[in-house]
Structures are given as structure tokens and as C-alpha cells.
Protein backbone atom coordinates (compact mmCIF):
# COMPACT_ATOMS: atom_id res chain seq x y z
CA ALA A 1 93.54 60.22 122.83
CA GLY A 2 89.94 59.06 122.54
CA ARG A 3 88.93 60.68 125.82
CA LEU A 4 90.74 63.88 124.93
CA GLY A 5 89.00 64.04 121.57
CA HIS A 6 85.64 63.47 123.22
CA ALA A 7 86.36 66.17 125.81
CA LEU A 8 87.42 68.67 123.15
CA GLY A 9 84.31 67.87 121.12
CA ALA A 10 82.10 68.42 124.17
CA LEU A 11 83.87 71.68 124.94
CA THR A 12 83.28 72.88 121.38
CA SER A 13 79.59 72.12 121.78
CA TYR A 14 79.39 73.97 125.10
CA LEU A 15 81.06 77.01 123.55
CA GLY A 16 78.52 76.90 120.75
CA VAL A 17 75.68 76.89 123.29
CA LEU A 18 77.23 79.80 125.19
CA LYS A 19 77.55 81.77 121.97
CA GLU A 20 73.85 81.27 121.24
CA ILE A 21 72.88 82.29 124.79
CA ILE A 22 74.83 85.51 124.35
CA ARG A 23 73.29 86.11 120.95
CA PHE A 24 69.75 85.76 122.29
CA CYS A 25 70.57 88.24 125.05
CA ASP A 26 71.45 90.86 122.45
CA SER A 27 68.00 92.47 122.61
CA SER A 28 68.43 93.07 126.34
CA ALA A 29 71.34 95.40 125.68
CA ARG A 30 69.15 97.58 123.54
CA SER A 31 65.86 97.49 125.43
CA LYS A 32 67.04 98.10 129.01
CA GLN A 33 69.40 101.02 128.84
CA GLY A 34 70.80 102.10 132.18
CA GLU A 35 70.12 98.77 133.89
CA VAL A 36 72.59 96.07 134.75
CA HIS A 37 72.86 93.86 131.71
CA VAL A 38 71.47 90.36 132.06
CA LEU A 39 74.81 89.00 130.87
CA SER A 40 76.78 90.61 133.69
CA ASP A 41 76.39 87.58 135.97
CA VAL A 42 76.93 85.16 133.09
CA LEU A 43 80.13 86.96 132.16
CA ALA A 44 81.36 87.02 135.76
CA GLN A 45 80.82 83.26 136.10
CA SER A 46 82.10 82.23 132.67
CA TRP A 47 85.09 84.56 132.32
CA PRO A 48 87.49 82.45 134.47
CA VAL A 49 86.55 79.39 132.43
CA LEU A 50 87.06 81.24 129.15
CA ASN A 51 90.46 82.36 130.43
CA ASP A 52 91.41 78.81 131.35
CA ILE A 53 90.50 77.64 127.85
CA ALA A 54 92.53 80.47 126.32
CA GLN A 55 95.57 79.55 128.44
CA SER A 56 95.43 75.88 127.48
CA THR A 57 97.89 74.92 124.74
CA VAL A 58 95.77 71.85 123.95
CA CYS A 59 92.65 73.95 123.48
CA ARG A 60 94.40 76.61 121.39
CA SER A 61 95.86 73.94 119.12
CA ASN A 62 92.41 72.45 118.43
CA GLU A 63 90.88 74.44 115.56
CA ALA A 64 87.28 73.71 116.52
CA VAL A 65 87.76 74.74 120.15
CA LEU A 66 89.75 77.83 119.23
CA SER A 67 87.18 78.92 116.66
CA GLY A 68 84.38 78.32 119.17
CA LEU A 69 86.17 80.37 121.82
CA LEU A 70 86.82 83.24 119.39
CA ASP A 71 83.16 83.12 118.30
CA VAL A 72 82.08 83.53 121.93
CA HIS A 73 84.41 86.50 122.38
CA SER A 74 83.18 88.04 119.12
CA GLN A 75 79.60 87.68 120.27
CA LEU A 76 80.41 89.31 123.60
CA LEU A 77 82.15 92.13 121.78
CA GLY A 78 79.02 92.87 119.79
CA VAL A 79 76.48 92.44 122.60
CA VAL A 80 78.18 93.92 125.67
CA PRO A 81 81.09 96.06 124.41
CA ALA A 82 81.19 98.20 127.57
CA LEU A 83 81.64 95.08 129.71
CA ILE A 84 84.39 93.76 127.43
CA GLY A 85 86.33 97.04 127.24
CA PRO A 86 88.37 96.49 130.44
CA TYR A 87 89.51 93.09 129.13
CA ILE A 88 90.46 94.19 125.60
CA GLN A 89 94.25 94.23 126.13
CA PRO A 90 94.50 90.63 127.43
CA LEU A 91 91.99 89.57 124.79
CA ILE A 92 94.13 91.04 122.01
CA GLU A 93 97.19 89.34 123.49
CA PHE A 94 95.36 86.00 123.48
CA VAL A 95 94.20 86.47 119.87
CA VAL A 96 97.71 87.36 118.75
CA LYS A 97 99.21 84.36 120.52
CA ALA A 98 96.59 82.04 119.04
CA PHE A 99 97.26 83.44 115.56
CA GLU A 100 101.02 83.08 115.93
CA GLU A 101 100.58 79.43 116.90
CA THR A 102 97.86 78.33 114.49
CA LYS A 103 97.30 80.96 111.74
CA CYS A 104 93.61 80.39 112.41
CA PRO A 105 91.42 82.66 110.22
CA SER A 106 88.96 82.99 113.13
CA ALA A 107 91.54 85.18 114.89
CA LEU A 108 91.43 87.60 111.97
CA CYS A 109 87.65 87.57 112.08
CA TYR A 110 87.77 88.57 115.75
CA ILE A 111 90.11 91.47 114.97
CA SER A 112 87.78 92.57 112.16
CA ASN A 113 84.86 92.63 114.58
CA ALA A 114 86.92 94.52 117.15
CA VAL A 115 87.86 97.22 114.64
CA GLU A 116 84.22 97.72 113.69
CA THR A 117 83.00 97.66 117.29
CA PHE A 118 85.49 100.29 118.43
CA ASP A 119 84.21 102.55 115.65
CA SER A 120 80.50 102.01 116.23
CA GLU A 121 80.38 101.65 120.06
CA PRO A 122 82.07 104.52 121.92
CA SER A 123 81.35 102.75 125.22
CA ILE A 124 84.05 100.15 124.58
CA SER A 125 86.77 102.76 124.02
CA ALA A 126 85.84 104.51 127.25
CA ALA A 127 85.78 101.23 129.16
CA ALA A 128 89.16 100.28 127.70
CA GLY A 129 90.62 103.66 128.65
CA LEU A 130 91.51 104.52 125.06
CA ASP A 131 90.99 107.78 123.20
CA GLN A 132 90.97 107.97 119.39
CA ASN A 133 94.74 108.13 119.10
CA GLY A 134 95.15 105.27 121.53
CA THR A 135 92.68 103.15 119.57
CA GLU A 136 94.44 103.90 116.26
CA ASN A 137 97.83 103.06 117.73
CA LEU A 138 96.54 99.79 119.22
CA PHE A 139 95.03 98.58 115.96
CA SER A 140 97.87 99.88 113.81
CA GLN A 141 100.45 97.93 115.82
CA LEU A 142 98.17 94.91 115.80
CA LEU A 143 97.78 95.03 112.01
CA SER A 144 101.52 95.40 111.55
CA HIS A 145 102.22 92.30 113.62
CA ILE A 146 99.50 90.26 111.89
CA CYS A 147 100.88 91.27 108.49
CA ILE A 148 104.43 90.26 109.40
CA GLU A 149 103.23 86.87 110.65
CA THR A 150 101.05 86.27 107.58
CA PHE A 151 103.63 87.41 105.02
CA ALA A 152 106.24 85.10 106.55
CA TYR A 153 103.87 82.13 106.64
CA ALA A 154 102.48 82.63 103.13
CA THR A 155 105.88 83.09 101.50
CA GLN A 156 108.16 80.79 103.51
CA THR A 157 106.08 78.01 105.07
CA ALA A 158 103.34 77.84 102.45
CA ARG A 159 102.10 79.75 99.42
CA PRO A 160 98.95 81.90 99.19
CA CYS A 161 97.24 79.19 97.12
CA ASP A 162 97.84 76.74 99.99
CA CYS A 163 96.27 78.97 102.67
CA GLN A 164 93.33 80.57 100.89
CA GLN A 165 91.17 80.97 104.00
CA LEU A 166 94.01 82.81 105.72
CA ILE A 167 94.39 85.17 102.75
CA ASN A 168 90.64 85.69 102.63
CA GLY A 169 90.62 86.53 106.35
CA LEU A 170 93.56 88.92 106.04
CA PHE A 171 92.03 91.02 103.29
CA GLU A 172 88.54 91.00 104.73
CA MET A 173 90.17 92.33 107.90
CA ALA A 174 92.13 94.92 105.90
CA GLN A 175 88.93 96.09 104.24
CA ARG A 176 87.30 96.46 107.66
CA TYR A 177 90.26 98.58 108.72
CA LEU A 178 89.79 100.77 105.64
CA LEU A 179 86.11 101.34 106.36
CA PHE A 180 86.16 101.68 110.15
CA CYS A 181 89.68 102.70 111.17
CA PRO A 182 91.56 103.99 108.10
CA GLY A 183 94.06 105.85 110.25
CA ALA A 184 95.28 102.55 111.71
CA LEU A 185 95.57 100.99 108.24
CA LEU A 186 97.37 103.88 106.59
CA GLY A 187 99.61 104.46 109.58
CA CYS A 188 100.61 100.81 109.78
CA GLN A 189 104.31 100.19 109.17
CA GLN A 190 103.41 97.29 106.87
CA PHE A 191 100.90 99.22 104.74
CA SER A 192 103.07 99.30 101.60
CA SER A 193 103.97 95.64 102.04
CA LEU A 194 100.28 94.77 102.41
CA PHE A 195 99.53 96.42 99.07
CA GLU A 196 102.41 94.57 97.43
CA PHE A 197 101.29 91.30 98.99
CA ALA A 198 97.77 91.85 97.62
CA VAL A 199 99.15 92.15 94.09
CA LEU A 200 101.22 88.98 94.62
CA CYS A 201 98.14 87.11 95.83
CA LEU A 202 96.17 87.87 92.69
CA THR A 203 98.68 85.78 90.77
CA GLU A 204 99.30 83.14 93.43
CA LEU A 205 95.66 82.38 94.32
CA LYS A 206 95.00 81.05 90.80
CA GLY A 207 91.42 82.30 90.70
CA GLU A 208 90.11 80.80 93.96
CA VAL A 209 86.85 82.69 94.26
CA GLU A 210 86.48 83.85 97.87
CA SER A 211 90.08 84.81 98.60
CA THR A 212 90.54 86.46 95.20
CA ARG A 213 87.36 88.46 95.67
CA ALA A 214 88.50 89.62 99.13
CA VAL A 215 91.80 90.86 97.71
CA LEU A 216 90.11 92.66 94.81
CA ILE A 217 87.49 94.35 96.98
CA PHE A 218 90.19 95.66 99.31
CA LEU A 219 92.30 96.97 96.44
CA ALA A 220 89.36 98.52 94.61
CA GLN A 221 88.11 100.36 97.69
CA LEU A 222 91.61 101.49 98.66
CA VAL A 223 92.54 102.75 95.19
CA GLY A 224 89.07 104.23 94.66
CA TRP A 225 88.70 105.62 98.18
CA ARG A 226 87.36 108.93 96.92
CA GLU A 227 84.20 107.16 95.76
CA VAL A 228 83.66 105.23 99.01
CA ARG A 229 81.00 106.71 101.28
CA LEU A 230 82.69 107.43 104.57
CA GLY A 231 82.34 110.10 107.24
CA ASP A 232 84.25 113.36 107.05
CA ALA A 233 86.83 112.35 109.67
CA LYS A 234 87.65 109.11 107.83
CA MET A 235 87.86 110.87 104.47
CA ALA A 236 90.23 113.40 106.03
CA LYS A 237 92.48 110.56 107.19
CA LEU A 238 92.51 109.10 103.69
CA SER A 239 93.22 112.51 102.17
CA GLN A 240 96.26 112.87 104.40
CA HIS A 241 97.68 109.67 102.91
CA ALA A 242 96.50 110.19 99.31
CA ASN A 243 100.07 110.54 98.01
CA SER A 244 101.07 107.22 99.58
CA ILE A 245 98.15 105.45 97.89
CA ASP A 246 98.89 107.14 94.55
CA ASN A 247 102.57 106.17 94.77
CA LEU A 248 101.64 102.53 95.41
CA LEU A 249 99.31 102.60 92.43
CA ALA A 250 102.04 104.07 90.24
CA ARG A 251 104.40 101.34 91.42
CA PHE A 252 102.07 98.36 91.02
CA GLY A 253 99.45 99.68 88.60
CA GLU A 254 100.89 97.95 85.56
CA ASN A 255 100.86 94.53 87.23
CA LEU A 256 97.37 95.12 88.60
CA THR A 257 96.05 96.16 85.20
CA LEU A 258 97.55 93.07 83.59
CA CYS A 259 96.09 90.80 86.31
CA CYS A 260 92.62 92.27 85.81
CA LEU A 261 92.61 92.11 82.01
CA ARG A 262 94.11 88.63 82.01
CA ALA A 263 91.33 87.45 84.33
CA LEU A 264 88.60 89.17 82.29
CA ALA A 265 89.96 87.54 79.14
CA GLY A 266 89.14 84.14 80.59
CA GLY A 267 92.02 83.53 82.95
CA ALA A 268 89.84 83.43 86.07
CA PRO A 269 86.45 81.96 87.04
CA GLN A 270 83.54 83.96 85.67
CA SER A 271 82.17 84.52 89.18
CA THR A 272 85.22 86.72 89.92
CA TRP A 273 84.82 88.93 86.85
CA PRO A 274 82.68 91.61 88.56
CA ALA A 275 85.35 92.06 91.24
CA TYR A 276 88.11 92.22 88.63
CA SER A 277 86.20 94.74 86.53
CA ASP A 278 85.49 96.91 89.60
CA CYS A 279 89.17 96.91 90.48
CA LEU A 280 90.23 97.79 86.94
CA PHE A 281 87.66 100.60 86.79
CA CYS A 282 88.88 102.04 90.10
CA ILE A 283 92.46 102.01 88.81
CA MET A 284 91.49 103.82 85.62
CA LEU A 285 89.26 106.32 87.39
CA GLN A 286 91.90 107.15 89.98
CA VAL A 287 94.65 107.73 87.42
CA ILE A 288 92.45 109.82 85.13
CA THR A 289 90.83 111.96 87.79
CA SER A 290 94.11 112.66 89.55
CA ALA A 291 95.79 113.59 86.27
CA PRO A 292 93.20 114.55 83.61
CA SER A 293 95.91 115.37 81.08
CA SER A 294 96.74 111.67 80.86
CA VAL A 295 93.85 111.14 78.44
CA ALA A 296 95.40 113.40 75.84
CA ASP A 297 98.90 112.06 76.41
CA PRO A 298 99.53 108.82 74.47
CA ASN A 299 102.58 108.15 76.61
CA SER A 300 100.70 108.33 79.91
CA SER A 301 101.20 105.54 82.40
CA LEU A 302 97.62 104.31 82.21
CA ASN A 303 97.65 104.20 78.42
CA ALA A 304 100.89 102.23 78.55
CA TRP A 305 99.52 99.83 81.16
CA LEU A 306 96.42 99.13 79.09
CA ARG A 307 98.33 98.71 75.84
CA ALA A 308 100.80 96.30 77.40
CA ALA A 309 98.06 94.27 79.05
CA MET A 310 95.85 94.08 75.97
CA ALA A 311 98.82 93.12 73.82
CA GLU A 312 99.29 90.08 76.04
CA VAL A 313 95.68 88.95 76.39
CA THR A 314 94.17 89.66 72.95
CA THR A 315 94.25 87.30 69.98
CA ARG A 316 95.77 87.78 66.55
CA HIS A 317 92.31 88.85 65.28
CA VAL A 318 92.49 92.01 67.41
CA THR A 319 94.73 94.52 65.67
CA GLN A 320 96.73 97.32 67.27
CA GLU A 321 94.28 99.76 65.71
CA ILE A 322 91.32 98.10 67.43
CA THR A 323 93.21 98.01 70.72
CA ALA A 324 94.03 101.71 70.46
CA THR A 325 90.41 102.56 69.64
CA VAL A 326 89.07 100.60 72.61
CA ILE A 327 91.56 102.18 75.02
CA ARG A 328 90.87 105.69 73.73
CA ALA A 329 87.11 105.20 74.07
CA LEU A 330 87.47 103.92 77.65
CA LEU A 331 89.73 106.76 78.74
CA GLU A 332 87.63 109.47 77.11
CA MET A 333 84.42 108.10 78.62
CA ILE A 334 85.87 107.97 82.14
CA ALA A 335 87.44 111.41 81.75
CA ALA A 336 84.10 112.87 80.66
CA GLU A 337 81.75 111.13 83.07
CA GLY A 338 83.90 109.99 85.99
CA ALA A 339 82.29 107.40 88.29
CA LYS A 340 79.04 107.60 86.30
CA SER A 341 80.76 105.90 83.36
CA LYS A 342 80.97 102.64 85.29
């Protein structure tokens, strides 16, 4: 056991060194276009070793080694995407297998980097033999599988509050999908379940800062997608699925509103308040701008959500009249000024 531990520690160190070597070669990829990359020989020599590590159950079960290996692959993805393209299918299979076995957040970080790289580096798609539809299908199926695995683990084996790094990784990955491959996110079979799981996590995480913030940022940008600066093609994808997003908001908006106001009333650490307020604002803006008549209608869903939430979180010193005045002022201001009212 002692020798094995020493060997795994040494391997982790070697992977760290390799990662740094790759990182320092990054400038070569940008300064010598058209030439054989300096990492070509390094990759040819090290790839069999990296494969052996990936195939080893002992190595995959060691968190430090697995994280080090995924860091190396992430670095390669960013530095030499065209060279990695032909290997992307077996790489994804390895990442999925490692995640199934360990629920290691580093696997989600690798997927996040892959989603961004495929959007920003056309060379990797060409090298992988994937067009836009093929890329969307690959990442949509991948997200669906990751969601199923995570939902099962975080509701049956553990709870979200027991696996905060996993939850943080999941929703940081989901946000990367939204920004760089929205078609894969919105076309994912688990998209509705992911939204529902996000709402569940806001209650279950009990205010843990990083994971709570990751959930809130994802929800705010998804609900408020019209205000996110994306390219025309990505906005078109989001527009195609606008009804799905609106339906999810109608279904879970009341719970979300209550979570946000409860947190802002002191139920969550102060460092999370900006994220909660952003999420609440995006909810209000989306409902009002998609149905302007809701401001004049006292029975509108948003008005009801706010009244119910404020009734729960305010003290006996805050009367119904004050509550109604505050809600009316908020709704009128957002209706009049839109995103500028933030």
C-alpha cells in the first residue's frame, strides 16, 4: 500500500509537470501557423502512456491522479485542438466512464472546456469529423447522460448539500453549454429535469456559497437569455426554445421567487445576495416583458408570487399595504425601464 501510494503520488507530480510543459507551449500554437506544432512529438510519445493511465482502474479511482490526467487533457484541448480532434470520441468515453465511477468534478470541468473549445476552435470539429449538427448531438447526449448520473447520485446516494463541488461543477458546465452550445442544452432530453433540479438545489445547498452561486448564475442567464450577449445563431437557437423556457418559469417561478426573497431576507450568506438579486430580477423582467399586461393585473402570476413570498419573509411590522406598495413600485419600474431598471 505504501509503495502504491508513493507511485500514485509520483504519477500525479509527473502529470502536473506535463500539464505545465503543454501550457508553456501554448504560444507556439499561435506564433507558428502552418508549421508542425512543437507538441506533435510530445503528444505522439505521451499519448500511449496517457491511455494506459486512463485504462487503469487504480489510477481512475485515485482522485489526484484522475484530476491530474483530466487537467492534462484539458490543457491539450486548449493548446492543440486540431491534434486532439481525432481522439475526441475515445476521450469523451473515458471522461464519462471516470465520472460514472467517481463523480469527480474534474470530469465536468473537462466537458465544460470541450464545449467552449468546439465553439471557439473550428479546427477541432473538422479534425473530429463533426459538423454543427454532429457537435450538438454529441454534446446533447453527453449532457443528458451526465444529468441522469448526477441526479441519481445527488438524490439517492447523497444529497446536494453533501456533494457541493459536484453541484458546482454541474451548473458551471450547464452555464458553459448555454453560452457556447445552447442548442445542445435546449435539445437535451434532461433539460426540464435540469431546471427542476436547479430549483431543488437552491433549497438543499443551504447557502453554500460557490455551488449556490453557480446554480443562480445558470438560472438567471437561462431565464434572462434575451439580455445575454450572444451571437445571432445562438440567439436564434434560444428563440426557438423560448416557449419551453417560459413554461419552466411558469411552473417553478413561485418557488424560485420564494427562494430568492427568503435568501435576501437573511436566509443565506450575504456574499450570495448579488446572485440571488440578479436571479430575482431576471425572473421579474422576463415575466413582465413577455406579458406587459401583468403589471396592471393584480391577479397576475408574478404579483401572486411576490405577494406570497413577501408574506412569508416579512415581519409583523411590514403591513400588507406596504408590501403591495413595494411590489407595485417594482413592477411599474421594470415595466417602464426594462433591463435599465436593474
